Amino acid sequence: MSGARILVVDDEPEITRALRSILGAHGYEPILATSGEEGLELLSRRHPDLILLDLALPGLDGLEFARTVRQDLRLDVPIIVLSAHGEEERKVRALDLGADDFVTKPFGVNELLARIRAALRRGGGQAAGQAAIEHGAIRIDLERREVTVAGRPVHLTPKEYEMLLYLVKNAGKLVTHRALLRAVWGPEYEDARPYLHVFVGQLRRKLEPDPAHPRYILTEPGVGYRLADG
């Protein structure tokens, strides 16, 4: 998405200078904010296509910024969190609040650009009233609740189907354990990770050419899962 406006919310001068140069060189329009408050003000005025968000901000921190964007403003603009090593709990919390992905500092330029491209592609979402969803070789017939992989019918239990549907609707996005449990089983199960490991294993046996080396349902250790093209 050439020309996309990207709001960078980070108070480290070295990071903002580097991101301004990198984004500009690759055809994006960088918008820079050094605090959460300034980021919200620029968000309302400039309507960016994507947000790069540092968690450790002065004043309004990254978690509260993400919560405000998703819960108060109800905006679906993609958010990629820029996290430091040792911020695992805060990073997972940001993802649970609605952030789409994360990149750990120091980050590689190619990795960051790839995450930006993927998030911008997802920004449009799925069309309302869609009869089927396709992602790579996976096709879900929403009316019949039928799943095929490379044209091969796959029989799923109701919970397996709901898990796959949630992952496909969030394809490429990092989905936390808690978010997946809450979406499929309900909020009272959001800490029941053993449930999740069992069902993900079952899905892999049914979907993956080699379940021991998954191509579709990828694990982000300690955080959750990401559905890849395979």
Protein backbone atom coordinates (compact mmCIF):
# COMPACT_ATOMS: atom_id res chain seq x y z
CA MET A 1 0.00 0.00 0.00
CA SER A 2 2.30 2.70 -1.30
CA GLY A 3 1.77 6.13 0.22
CA ALA A 4 0.13 4.76 3.35
CA ARG A 5 0.28 7.10 6.35
CA ILE A 6 2.04 5.50 9.32
CA LEU A 7 1.80 7.05 12.77
CA VAL A 8 4.94 6.37 14.84
CA VAL A 9 4.37 6.82 18.59
CA ASP A 10 7.78 6.54 20.26
CA ASP A 11 9.78 8.85 22.53
CA GLU A 12 13.26 7.60 21.56
CA PRO A 13 14.82 10.14 19.14
CA GLU A 14 17.09 7.52 17.55
CA ILE A 15 14.12 5.25 16.81
CA THR A 16 11.93 8.00 15.39
CA ARG A 17 14.75 9.31 13.17
CA ALA A 18 15.46 5.81 11.88
CA LEU A 19 11.78 5.05 11.26
CA ARG A 20 11.21 8.36 9.48
CA SER A 21 14.08 7.56 7.13
CA ILE A 22 13.10 3.89 6.59
CA LEU A 23 9.40 4.56 6.04
CA GLY A 24 10.00 7.51 3.75
CA ALA A 25 12.50 5.55 1.66
CA HIS A 26 9.91 2.81 1.08
CA GLY A 27 7.09 5.06 -0.06
CA TYR A 28 5.23 5.54 3.23
CA GLU A 29 4.29 8.84 4.85
CA PRO A 30 5.61 8.86 8.45
CA ILE A 31 3.75 10.86 11.11
CA LEU A 32 5.77 11.22 14.32
CA ALA A 33 4.54 11.54 17.91
CA THR A 34 6.71 11.43 21.04
CA SER A 35 3.93 10.74 23.57
CA GLY A 36 0.64 8.89 23.79
CA GLU A 37 -1.28 12.13 24.12
CA GLU A 38 0.32 13.58 20.99
CA GLY A 39 -0.30 10.29 19.21
CA LEU A 40 -4.04 10.42 19.93
CA GLU A 41 -4.20 14.03 18.76
CA LEU A 42 -2.44 13.17 15.47
CA LEU A 43 -4.62 10.08 15.10
CA SER A 44 -7.75 12.22 15.12
CA ARG A 45 -6.32 14.78 12.67
CA ARG A 46 -4.27 12.71 10.23
CA HIS A 47 -6.23 9.40 10.13
CA PRO A 48 -3.22 7.11 9.63
CA ASP A 49 -3.45 3.74 7.89
CA LEU A 50 -1.27 2.03 10.51
CA ILE A 51 0.28 2.76 13.93
CA LEU A 52 3.75 1.77 15.17
CA LEU A 53 3.42 1.96 18.95
CA ASP A 54 6.10 1.90 21.63
CA LEU A 55 4.91 0.51 24.97
CA ALA A 56 7.19 2.55 27.25
CA LEU A 57 5.83 6.05 26.67
CA PRO A 58 5.81 9.00 29.08
CA GLY A 59 2.37 9.93 30.42
CA LEU A 60 -0.19 7.89 28.51
CA ASP A 61 1.68 4.61 27.97
CA GLY A 62 1.35 2.20 25.06
CA LEU A 63 -1.16 -0.08 26.78
CA GLU A 64 -3.52 2.76 27.60
CA PHE A 65 -3.05 4.15 24.08
CA ALA A 66 -4.05 0.79 22.56
CA ARG A 67 -7.02 0.49 24.92
CA THR A 68 -8.20 3.99 24.01
CA VAL A 69 -7.94 3.33 20.27
CA ARG A 70 -9.79 0.01 20.40
CA GLN A 71 -12.31 0.43 23.25
CA ASP A 72 -13.01 4.15 23.49
CA LEU A 73 -12.55 5.31 19.90
CA ARG A 74 -13.49 1.90 18.43
CA LEU A 75 -11.02 2.26 15.56
CA ASP A 76 -9.73 -0.76 13.65
CA VAL A 77 -6.55 0.87 12.30
CA PRO A 78 -3.76 -1.78 12.49
CA ILE A 79 -1.39 -1.42 15.45
CA ILE A 80 2.10 -2.92 15.52
CA VAL A 81 3.74 -2.79 18.94
CA LEU A 82 7.44 -1.94 19.22
CA SER A 83 8.53 -3.81 22.35
CA ALA A 84 11.82 -4.17 24.18
CA HIS A 85 13.28 -7.42 25.47
CA GLY A 86 11.81 -8.26 28.88
CA GLU A 87 8.39 -6.75 28.14
CA GLU A 88 6.69 -10.09 27.50
CA GLU A 89 3.72 -9.55 29.84
CA ARG A 90 3.06 -6.03 28.57
CA LYS A 91 3.41 -7.19 24.97
CA VAL A 92 0.81 -9.94 25.47
CA ARG A 93 -1.45 -7.47 27.26
CA ALA A 94 -1.20 -5.07 24.29
CA LEU A 95 -2.15 -7.86 21.90
CA ASP A 96 -5.12 -8.76 24.10
CA LEU A 97 -6.18 -5.11 24.02
CA GLY A 98 -6.32 -5.22 20.23
CA ALA A 99 -2.80 -4.66 18.86
CA ASP A 100 -2.26 -6.67 15.67
CA ASP A 101 1.38 -7.64 15.90
CA PHE A 102 4.70 -6.84 17.55
CA VAL A 103 8.33 -6.31 16.60
CA THR A 104 11.03 -6.56 19.26
CA LYS A 105 13.69 -3.86 19.47
CA PRO A 106 16.28 -3.82 18.01
CA PHE A 107 14.37 -4.87 14.91
CA GLY A 108 15.51 -5.73 11.41
CA VAL A 109 14.32 -3.40 8.65
CA ASN A 110 13.12 -6.24 6.41
CA GLU A 111 11.14 -7.85 9.23
CA LEU A 112 9.50 -4.55 10.16
CA LEU A 113 8.56 -3.77 6.55
CA ALA A 114 7.13 -7.26 6.08
CA ARG A 115 4.97 -6.88 9.20
CA ILE A 116 3.79 -3.47 7.97
CA ARG A 117 2.83 -4.85 4.55
CA ALA A 118 0.96 -7.76 6.11
CA ALA A 119 -0.94 -5.51 8.54
CA LEU A 120 -1.92 -3.10 5.76
CA ARG A 121 -3.22 -5.98 3.63
CA ARG A 122 -5.39 -7.11 6.55
CA GLY A 123 -6.70 -3.61 7.17
CA GLY A 124 -9.68 -4.02 4.83
CA GLY A 125 -11.04 -7.02 6.71
CA GLN A 126 -13.51 -9.56 5.35
CA ALA A 127 -16.48 -8.49 3.31
CA ALA A 128 -19.86 -8.56 5.03
CA GLY A 129 -22.14 -11.32 3.78
CA GLN A 130 -19.23 -13.32 2.40
CA ALA A 131 -20.21 -16.91 1.55
CA ALA A 132 -16.71 -18.34 1.89
CA ILE A 133 -13.26 -17.37 3.17
CA GLU A 134 -10.08 -18.52 1.48
CA HIS A 135 -6.58 -18.31 2.87
CA GLY A 136 -3.88 -20.04 0.86
CA ALA A 137 -4.99 -23.64 0.39
CA ILE A 138 -7.62 -23.39 3.15
CA ARG A 139 -11.23 -22.68 2.15
CA ILE A 140 -14.10 -22.30 4.61
CA ASP A 141 -17.67 -22.44 3.30
CA LEU A 142 -19.47 -20.26 5.84
CA GLU A 143 -22.97 -21.34 4.83
CA ARG A 144 -22.30 -25.09 4.97
CA ARG A 145 -19.60 -24.88 7.68
CA GLU A 146 -17.39 -27.04 5.46
CA VAL A 147 -13.60 -26.87 5.25
CA THR A 148 -11.28 -27.97 2.45
CA VAL A 149 -7.49 -27.87 2.20
CA ALA A 150 -6.18 -27.86 -1.38
CA GLY A 151 -9.60 -29.19 -2.41
CA ARG A 152 -9.51 -32.02 0.13
CA PRO A 153 -12.53 -32.13 2.50
CA VAL A 154 -11.58 -31.92 6.17
CA HIS A 155 -14.01 -32.93 8.92
CA LEU A 156 -13.76 -30.67 11.98
CA THR A 157 -15.58 -30.75 15.28
CA PRO A 158 -17.60 -27.60 16.12
CA LYS A 159 -14.83 -26.23 18.37
CA GLU A 160 -12.11 -27.02 15.83
CA TYR A 161 -14.17 -25.22 13.18
CA GLU A 162 -14.61 -22.15 15.40
CA MET A 163 -10.89 -22.08 16.18
CA LEU A 164 -9.94 -22.31 12.50
CA LEU A 165 -12.50 -19.68 11.51
CA TYR A 166 -11.15 -17.26 14.12
CA LEU A 167 -7.57 -17.85 12.97
CA VAL A 168 -8.48 -17.42 9.29
CA LYS A 169 -10.38 -14.20 10.00
CA ASN A 170 -7.21 -12.98 11.71
CA ALA A 171 -4.83 -14.55 9.18
CA GLY A 172 -1.26 -13.34 9.51
CA LYS A 173 -2.11 -11.60 12.77
CA LEU A 174 -0.64 -12.80 16.03
CA VAL A 175 -3.51 -14.18 18.15
CA THR A 176 -2.78 -14.60 21.85
CA HIS A 177 -3.73 -17.72 23.81
CA ARG A 178 -6.18 -15.69 25.87
CA ALA A 179 -7.86 -14.08 22.86
CA LEU A 180 -8.36 -17.44 21.14
CA LEU A 181 -9.72 -19.11 24.27
CA ARG A 182 -12.07 -16.20 24.93
CA ALA A 183 -13.34 -16.19 21.34
CA VAL A 184 -14.00 -19.92 21.11
CA TRP A 185 -14.83 -21.03 24.67
CA GLY A 186 -15.79 -17.78 26.40
CA PRO A 187 -14.18 -15.48 28.99
CA GLU A 188 -14.36 -18.06 31.79
CA TYR A 189 -11.85 -20.22 29.86
CA GLU A 190 -9.32 -17.53 28.96
CA ASP A 191 -6.63 -19.03 31.20
CA ALA A 192 -7.23 -22.69 30.20
CA ARG A 193 -4.17 -23.12 27.98
CA PRO A 194 -4.14 -26.97 28.15
CA TYR A 195 -7.47 -26.88 26.26
CA LEU A 196 -5.83 -24.84 23.55
CA HIS A 197 -2.77 -27.05 23.12
CA VAL A 198 -4.97 -30.12 22.67
CA PHE A 199 -7.23 -28.52 20.06
CA VAL A 200 -4.37 -26.90 18.14
CA GLY A 201 -2.72 -30.32 17.99
CA GLN A 202 -5.93 -31.82 16.61
CA LEU A 203 -6.26 -29.07 14.00
CA ARG A 204 -2.68 -29.57 12.87
CA ARG A 205 -3.21 -33.31 12.44
CA LYS A 206 -6.18 -32.59 10.17
CA LEU A 207 -4.82 -29.60 8.22
CA GLU A 208 -1.05 -29.89 8.04
CA PRO A 209 0.86 -32.04 5.51
CA ASP A 210 3.37 -32.69 8.32
CA PRO A 211 1.87 -31.87 11.76
CA ALA A 212 5.30 -32.14 13.40
CA HIS A 213 6.53 -29.28 11.19
CA PRO A 214 3.44 -27.05 10.78
CA ARG A 215 3.14 -24.76 7.78
CA TYR A 216 -0.24 -23.17 8.55
CA ILE A 217 -0.70 -22.81 12.31
CA LEU A 218 2.55 -21.38 13.62
CA THR A 219 3.42 -21.05 17.31
CA GLU A 220 4.72 -17.80 18.78
CA PRO A 221 6.31 -19.20 21.97
CA GLY A 222 4.75 -17.88 25.15
CA VAL A 223 2.34 -15.64 23.26
CA GLY A 224 -0.03 -17.44 20.91
CA TYR A 225 -0.48 -18.51 17.29
CA ARG A 226 -0.28 -17.06 13.80
CA LEU A 227 -1.96 -18.50 10.70
CA ALA A 228 0.45 -18.44 7.77
CA ASP A 229 -0.20 -19.09 4.07
CA GLY A 230 1.57 -22.42 4.22
